[in-house]
Amino acid sequence: MVGIDIVQISRISGLREKFGEKFLRRVFCDDEIALIKSDETLAGFFAAKEAFSKALGTGIGSECGFLDIKIAKTPKGAPFFEISSNLKTKFNIKNSALSISHDGNFAIAAVILEIGDI
C-alpha cells in the first residue's frame, strides 16, 4: 500500500506558532520533537504521518492516531517508522518504508506499507 502527502511548510510552522507546545504534543512524541530542528523537518514529519495514514486507507482519526506512528532516524539520518504494536496487529503491518523531502515552500513524504493477510 502506498501513501503520499505534501504540505506547505509555512502552514505547518504556522500551527506551531499559533498553538505552540500543544500542537507539537498532539502530533509528536518527545523523541520526535527532539529530532525537529527546522520548520522543514517539522513539515516533513507531519507529511510522513499523514502519508502513513493514507497508505492504511484510514486517514488520521480513531483507527490511526498521530501518536500511533513514531518517526525515528538511522545513524546515517534516514527516517523510518516505529509503529505501535496495536496498529501493527490491527492492520497486519509487516514492513514499512519512508522517504521525506522538502524544497522551496513544500515538504513531501512517500510511504510504502507491506500488509500481510488480514
Protein backbone atom coordinates (compact mmCIF):
# COMPACT_ATOMS: atom_id res chain seq x y z
CA MET A 1 0.00 0.00 0.00
CA VAL A 2 1.27 3.46 -0.90
CA GLY A 3 0.57 6.85 0.66
CA ILE A 4 1.82 10.30 -0.31
CA ASP A 5 1.29 13.67 1.34
CA ILE A 6 2.51 17.16 0.54
CA VAL A 7 2.22 20.15 2.86
CA GLN A 8 3.08 23.82 2.68
CA ILE A 9 5.86 24.36 5.21
CA SER A 10 4.51 27.75 6.30
CA ARG A 11 1.09 26.22 7.12
CA ILE A 12 2.61 23.68 9.50
CA SER A 13 5.02 26.18 11.10
CA GLY A 14 2.02 28.50 11.50
CA LEU A 15 0.24 25.80 13.50
CA ARG A 16 3.27 25.56 15.78
CA GLU A 17 3.39 29.33 16.18
CA LYS A 18 -0.34 29.56 16.93
CA PHE A 19 -0.69 26.54 19.24
CA GLY A 20 2.92 26.03 20.41
CA GLU A 21 3.67 23.05 22.60
CA LYS A 22 0.04 21.89 22.47
CA PHE A 23 0.31 21.31 18.71
CA LEU A 24 3.66 19.54 18.98
CA ARG A 25 2.46 17.21 21.77
CA ARG A 26 -0.73 16.33 19.89
CA VAL A 27 1.23 15.16 16.85
CA PHE A 28 4.70 14.12 18.07
CA CYS A 29 6.28 12.28 20.99
CA ASP A 30 9.31 13.59 22.91
CA ASP A 31 11.81 11.64 20.79
CA GLU A 32 10.38 13.10 17.59
CA ILE A 33 10.29 16.64 18.97
CA ALA A 34 13.99 16.28 19.81
CA LEU A 35 14.71 15.47 16.13
CA ILE A 36 12.85 18.52 14.79
CA LYS A 37 15.43 21.25 14.23
CA SER A 38 13.71 23.27 11.49
CA ASP A 39 10.32 24.11 10.01
CA GLU A 40 11.22 21.91 7.04
CA THR A 41 11.73 18.90 9.30
CA LEU A 42 8.53 19.69 11.20
CA ALA A 43 6.51 19.80 7.97
CA GLY A 44 8.22 16.67 6.61
CA PHE A 45 7.41 14.69 9.75
CA PHE A 46 3.81 15.90 9.65
CA ALA A 47 3.52 14.87 5.98
CA ALA A 48 5.03 11.46 6.81
CA LYS A 49 2.37 10.72 9.40
CA GLU A 50 -0.40 11.83 7.02
CA ALA A 51 1.09 9.70 4.21
CA PHE A 52 1.25 6.68 6.53
CA SER A 53 -2.43 7.02 7.43
CA LYS A 54 -3.31 7.37 3.75
CA ALA A 55 -1.38 4.18 2.96
CA LEU A 56 -3.54 2.42 5.54
CA GLY A 57 -6.63 3.87 3.91
CA THR A 58 -7.86 5.38 7.17
CA GLY A 59 -6.51 8.91 7.41
CA ILE A 60 -5.69 10.26 10.85
CA GLY A 61 -8.56 9.52 13.21
CA SER A 62 -9.88 6.86 15.54
CA GLU A 63 -8.24 3.94 13.73
CA CYS A 64 -4.81 5.55 13.32
CA GLY A 65 -3.72 8.44 15.51
CA PHE A 66 -0.68 10.68 15.16
CA LEU A 67 0.95 9.09 18.21
CA ASP A 68 0.49 5.54 16.88
CA ILE A 69 3.20 6.37 14.34
CA LYS A 70 6.67 7.42 15.54
CA ILE A 71 9.37 8.71 13.22
CA ALA A 72 12.97 7.89 14.11
CA LYS A 73 16.25 8.15 12.22
CA THR A 74 19.00 5.67 11.43
CA PRO A 75 22.58 6.52 12.42
CA LYS A 76 23.01 7.89 8.88
CA GLY A 77 19.96 10.14 9.27
CA ALA A 78 17.43 8.22 7.16
CA PRO A 79 13.88 8.42 8.57
CA PHE A 80 11.90 5.30 9.42
CA PHE A 81 8.73 4.42 11.31
CA GLU A 82 8.33 2.83 14.70
CA ILE A 83 4.73 1.63 14.66
CA SER A 84 2.65 0.92 17.76
CA SER A 85 2.07 -2.79 18.38
CA ASN A 86 -1.68 -2.12 18.37
CA LEU A 87 -1.52 -0.66 14.85
CA LYS A 88 0.81 -3.41 13.60
CA THR A 89 -1.58 -6.08 14.83
CA LYS A 90 -4.81 -4.36 13.75
CA PHE A 91 -3.62 -3.84 10.16
CA ASN A 92 -1.13 -6.74 9.99
CA ILE A 93 1.73 -4.42 9.02
CA LYS A 94 4.82 -6.43 8.15
CA ASN A 95 7.18 -3.69 6.96
CA SER A 96 7.28 -0.01 6.08
CA ALA A 97 9.40 2.38 4.04
CA LEU A 98 9.53 6.17 4.30
CA SER A 99 11.01 8.95 2.20
CA ILE A 100 10.75 12.65 3.13
CA SER A 101 11.87 15.60 1.05
CA HIS A 102 11.40 19.36 1.08
CA ASP A 103 12.10 22.11 -1.39
CA GLY A 104 11.04 25.70 -1.56
CA ASN A 105 7.79 26.06 0.36
CA PHE A 106 6.77 22.40 0.40
CA ALA A 107 7.53 19.16 2.21
CA ILE A 108 6.51 15.79 0.80
CA ALA A 109 6.52 12.26 2.17
CA ALA A 110 6.02 8.91 0.48
CA VAL A 111 5.21 5.74 2.40
CA ILE A 112 5.06 2.11 1.38
CA LEU A 113 3.46 -0.40 3.73
CA GLU A 114 3.73 -4.16 3.40
CA ILE A 115 0.50 -5.62 4.73
CA GLY A 116 0.08 -9.33 5.43
CA ASP A 117 -3.15 -11.28 5.03
CA ILE A 118 -5.91 -9.80 7.13
